[in-house]
Structures are given as structure tokens and as C-alpha cells.
Amino acid sequence: MSVKRRQHSPEFKFKVALAAAREEKTISQLASEFSLHPNQITRWKKQLLEGGKTIFQSNRKPKKEGVQESALYEQIGRLKMELEWIKKKAASFSE
């Protein structure tokens, strides 16, 4: 029987890594408290400390609203023209 791997949320990982970084309890105590392997806690702590300088940086890329917006307006115009053409063709068939 295979054991399904647990997936932890980023909030949980941050909580555990922060508790490890505070060093109020040992890694073994935290491992038993959170039901994790000590190596996992150490890895998350290392990621927190190494990535600490990028935590407050924005991961969002600047939006290219003008480009996307103009492309959408262009598509709307094309679709309107196609609709008008189809209406004219349909009218000629109904006569």
C-alpha cells in the first residue's frame, strides 16, 4: 500500500520555519509538535533565512494593459465586421 505524501500550505511552512528561526524550541521539539521530520523543518528554515531578503519584494510583473487592451479592441472590431457580413448574407438568403 502506498503512502500518500502530505502537502503543506505556504502559510504552514512559514509558521514552522519562523518557529525554527526563533530558536525558542529545538528542532526535535518542533518536529514532534508539528508531526514533521527534523530535516524538513531545517530545510524550510534555511529557505526562509536565504529568501528573507526577497520576501517583501513584489513578484508581480508590470502589466502591459495598453497592448492587451488594444488587441482586444482590434478583435472586437473584427468580430463586429464579421457579424455585419453574416447578417447581410443571411438577409439575402431569406429574400
C-alpha atoms as a PDB file:
ATOM      1  CA  MET A   1       0.000   0.000   0.000  1.00  0.00           C
ATOM      2  CA  SER A   2       1.464   3.344  -0.967  1.00  0.00           C
ATOM      3  CA  VAL A   3       1.554   6.226   1.443  1.00  0.00           C
ATOM      4  CA  LYS A   4       0.246   9.497   0.097  1.00  0.00           C
ATOM      5  CA  ARG A   5       2.631  12.406   0.565  1.00  0.00           C
ATOM      6  CA  ARG A   6       1.347  15.288   2.618  1.00  0.00           C
ATOM      7  CA  GLN A   7       1.260  18.683   1.011  1.00  0.00           C
ATOM      8  CA  HIS A   8       1.597  21.669   3.290  1.00  0.00           C
ATOM      9  CA  SER A   9       0.347  25.149   2.616  1.00  0.00           C
ATOM     10  CA  PRO A  10       2.808  28.023   2.338  1.00  0.00           C
ATOM     11  CA  GLU A  11       1.291  29.522   5.492  1.00  0.00           C
ATOM     12  CA  PHE A  12       2.034  26.349   7.457  1.00  0.00           C
ATOM     13  CA  LYS A  13       5.592  26.189   6.099  1.00  0.00           C
ATOM     14  CA  PHE A  14       6.162  29.814   7.054  1.00  0.00           C
ATOM     15  CA  LYS A  15       4.774  29.231  10.527  1.00  0.00           C
ATOM     16  CA  VAL A  16       7.067  26.240  11.119  1.00  0.00           C
ATOM     17  CA  ALA A  17      10.129  27.944   9.617  1.00  0.00           C
ATOM     18  CA  LEU A  18       9.527  31.067  11.695  1.00  0.00           C
ATOM     19  CA  ALA A  19       9.225  28.986  14.862  1.00  0.00           C
ATOM     20  CA  ALA A  20      12.510  27.287  13.978  1.00  0.00           C
ATOM     21  CA  ALA A  21      14.199  30.631  13.251  1.00  0.00           C
ATOM     22  CA  ARG A  22      13.123  31.987  16.638  1.00  0.00           C
ATOM     23  CA  GLU A  23      15.034  29.092  18.255  1.00  0.00           C
ATOM     24  CA  GLU A  24      12.757  29.083  21.310  1.00  0.00           C
ATOM     25  CA  LYS A  25      12.414  25.298  20.937  1.00  0.00           C
ATOM     26  CA  THR A  26      14.736  22.698  19.494  1.00  0.00           C
ATOM     27  CA  ILE A  27      14.211  21.288  16.020  1.00  0.00           C
ATOM     28  CA  SER A  28      13.262  17.954  17.608  1.00  0.00           C
ATOM     29  CA  GLN A  29      10.603  19.588  19.752  1.00  0.00           C
ATOM     30  CA  LEU A  30       9.171  21.397  16.749  1.00  0.00           C
ATOM     31  CA  ALA A  31       9.249  18.172  14.714  1.00  0.00           C
ATOM     32  CA  SER A  32       7.156  16.342  17.287  1.00  0.00           C
ATOM     33  CA  GLU A  33       4.846  19.334  17.754  1.00  0.00           C
ATOM     34  CA  PHE A  34       4.115  19.716  14.023  1.00  0.00           C
ATOM     35  CA  SER A  35       4.475  15.987  13.140  1.00  0.00           C
ATOM     36  CA  LEU A  36       7.285  16.631  10.682  1.00  0.00           C
ATOM     37  CA  HIS A  37      10.762  15.260  10.108  1.00  0.00           C
ATOM     38  CA  PRO A  38      13.520  17.452  11.567  1.00  0.00           C
ATOM     39  CA  ASN A  39      15.258  17.626   8.178  1.00  0.00           C
ATOM     40  CA  GLN A  40      12.111  19.125   6.657  1.00  0.00           C
ATOM     41  CA  ILE A  41      11.995  21.830   9.305  1.00  0.00           C
ATOM     42  CA  THR A  42      15.682  22.579   8.802  1.00  0.00           C
ATOM     43  CA  ARG A  43      15.148  22.857   5.036  1.00  0.00           C
ATOM     44  CA  TRP A  44      12.213  25.255   5.452  1.00  0.00           C
ATOM     45  CA  LYS A  45      14.183  27.339   7.964  1.00  0.00           C
ATOM     46  CA  LYS A  46      17.090  27.568   5.531  1.00  0.00           C
ATOM     47  CA  GLN A  47      14.741  28.639   2.719  1.00  0.00           C
ATOM     48  CA  LEU A  48      13.229  31.302   4.978  1.00  0.00           C
ATOM     49  CA  LEU A  49      16.580  32.704   6.018  1.00  0.00           C
ATOM     50  CA  GLU A  50      18.038  32.647   2.500  1.00  0.00           C
ATOM     51  CA  GLY A  51      14.917  34.056   0.870  1.00  0.00           C
ATOM     52  CA  GLY A  52      14.309  36.599   3.604  1.00  0.00           C
ATOM     53  CA  LYS A  53      15.596  39.469   1.509  1.00  0.00           C
ATOM     54  CA  THR A  54      13.064  38.731  -1.247  1.00  0.00           C
ATOM     55  CA  ILE A  55      10.010  38.202   0.950  1.00  0.00           C
ATOM     56  CA  PHE A  56       8.877  41.806   0.748  1.00  0.00           C
ATOM     57  CA  GLN A  57       9.601  42.215  -2.951  1.00  0.00           C
ATOM     58  CA  SER A  58       6.683  42.079  -5.319  1.00  0.00           C
ATOM     59  CA  ASN A  59       6.525  39.003  -7.539  1.00  0.00           C
ATOM     60  CA  ARG A  60       4.101  40.677  -9.901  1.00  0.00           C
ATOM     61  CA  LYS A  61       5.272  41.641 -13.330  1.00  0.00           C
ATOM     62  CA  PRO A  62       4.222  45.028 -14.655  1.00  0.00           C
ATOM     63  CA  LYS A  63       1.059  44.682 -16.669  1.00  0.00           C
ATOM     64  CA  LYS A  64       1.023  45.541 -20.322  1.00  0.00           C
ATOM     65  CA  GLU A  65      -2.517  46.831 -20.211  1.00  0.00           C
ATOM     66  CA  GLY A  66      -2.220  49.055 -23.251  1.00  0.00           C
ATOM     67  CA  VAL A  67      -1.028  46.255 -25.507  1.00  0.00           C
ATOM     68  CA  GLN A  68      -3.623  43.783 -24.318  1.00  0.00           C
ATOM     69  CA  GLU A  69      -6.378  46.364 -24.382  1.00  0.00           C
ATOM     70  CA  SER A  70      -5.639  47.427 -27.954  1.00  0.00           C
ATOM     71  CA  ALA A  71      -5.524  43.781 -29.068  1.00  0.00           C
ATOM     72  CA  LEU A  72      -8.942  43.189 -27.518  1.00  0.00           C
ATOM     73  CA  TYR A  73     -10.441  46.272 -29.194  1.00  0.00           C
ATOM     74  CA  GLU A  74      -8.994  45.105 -32.508  1.00  0.00           C
ATOM     75  CA  GLN A  75     -10.619  41.697 -32.034  1.00  0.00           C
ATOM     76  CA  ILE A  76     -13.963  43.315 -31.158  1.00  0.00           C
ATOM     77  CA  GLY A  77     -13.833  45.370 -34.344  1.00  0.00           C
ATOM     78  CA  ARG A  78     -13.063  42.299 -36.434  1.00  0.00           C
ATOM     79  CA  LEU A  79     -15.916  40.367 -34.872  1.00  0.00           C
ATOM     80  CA  LYS A  80     -18.360  43.234 -35.448  1.00  0.00           C
ATOM     81  CA  MET A  81     -17.412  43.360 -39.130  1.00  0.00           C
ATOM     82  CA  GLU A  82     -17.854  39.587 -39.451  1.00  0.00           C
ATOM     83  CA  LEU A  83     -21.256  39.802 -37.772  1.00  0.00           C
ATOM     84  CA  GLU A  84     -22.394  42.555 -40.176  1.00  0.00           C
ATOM     85  CA  TRP A  85     -21.208  40.490 -43.146  1.00  0.00           C
ATOM     86  CA  ILE A  86     -23.065  37.401 -41.879  1.00  0.00           C
ATOM     87  CA  LYS A  87     -26.240  39.459 -41.323  1.00  0.00           C
ATOM     88  CA  LYS A  88     -26.096  40.706 -44.937  1.00  0.00           C
ATOM     89  CA  LYS A  89     -25.570  37.190 -46.291  1.00  0.00           C
ATOM     90  CA  ALA A  90     -28.373  35.789 -44.143  1.00  0.00           C
ATOM     91  CA  ALA A  91     -30.718  38.556 -45.325  1.00  0.00           C
ATOM     92  CA  SER A  92     -30.039  37.657 -48.967  1.00  0.00           C
ATOM     93  CA  PHE A  93     -30.983  34.010 -48.303  1.00  0.00           C
ATOM     94  CA  SER A  94     -34.266  34.887 -46.599  1.00  0.00           C
ATOM     95  CA  GLU A  95     -35.497  37.001 -49.532  1.00  0.00           C
END
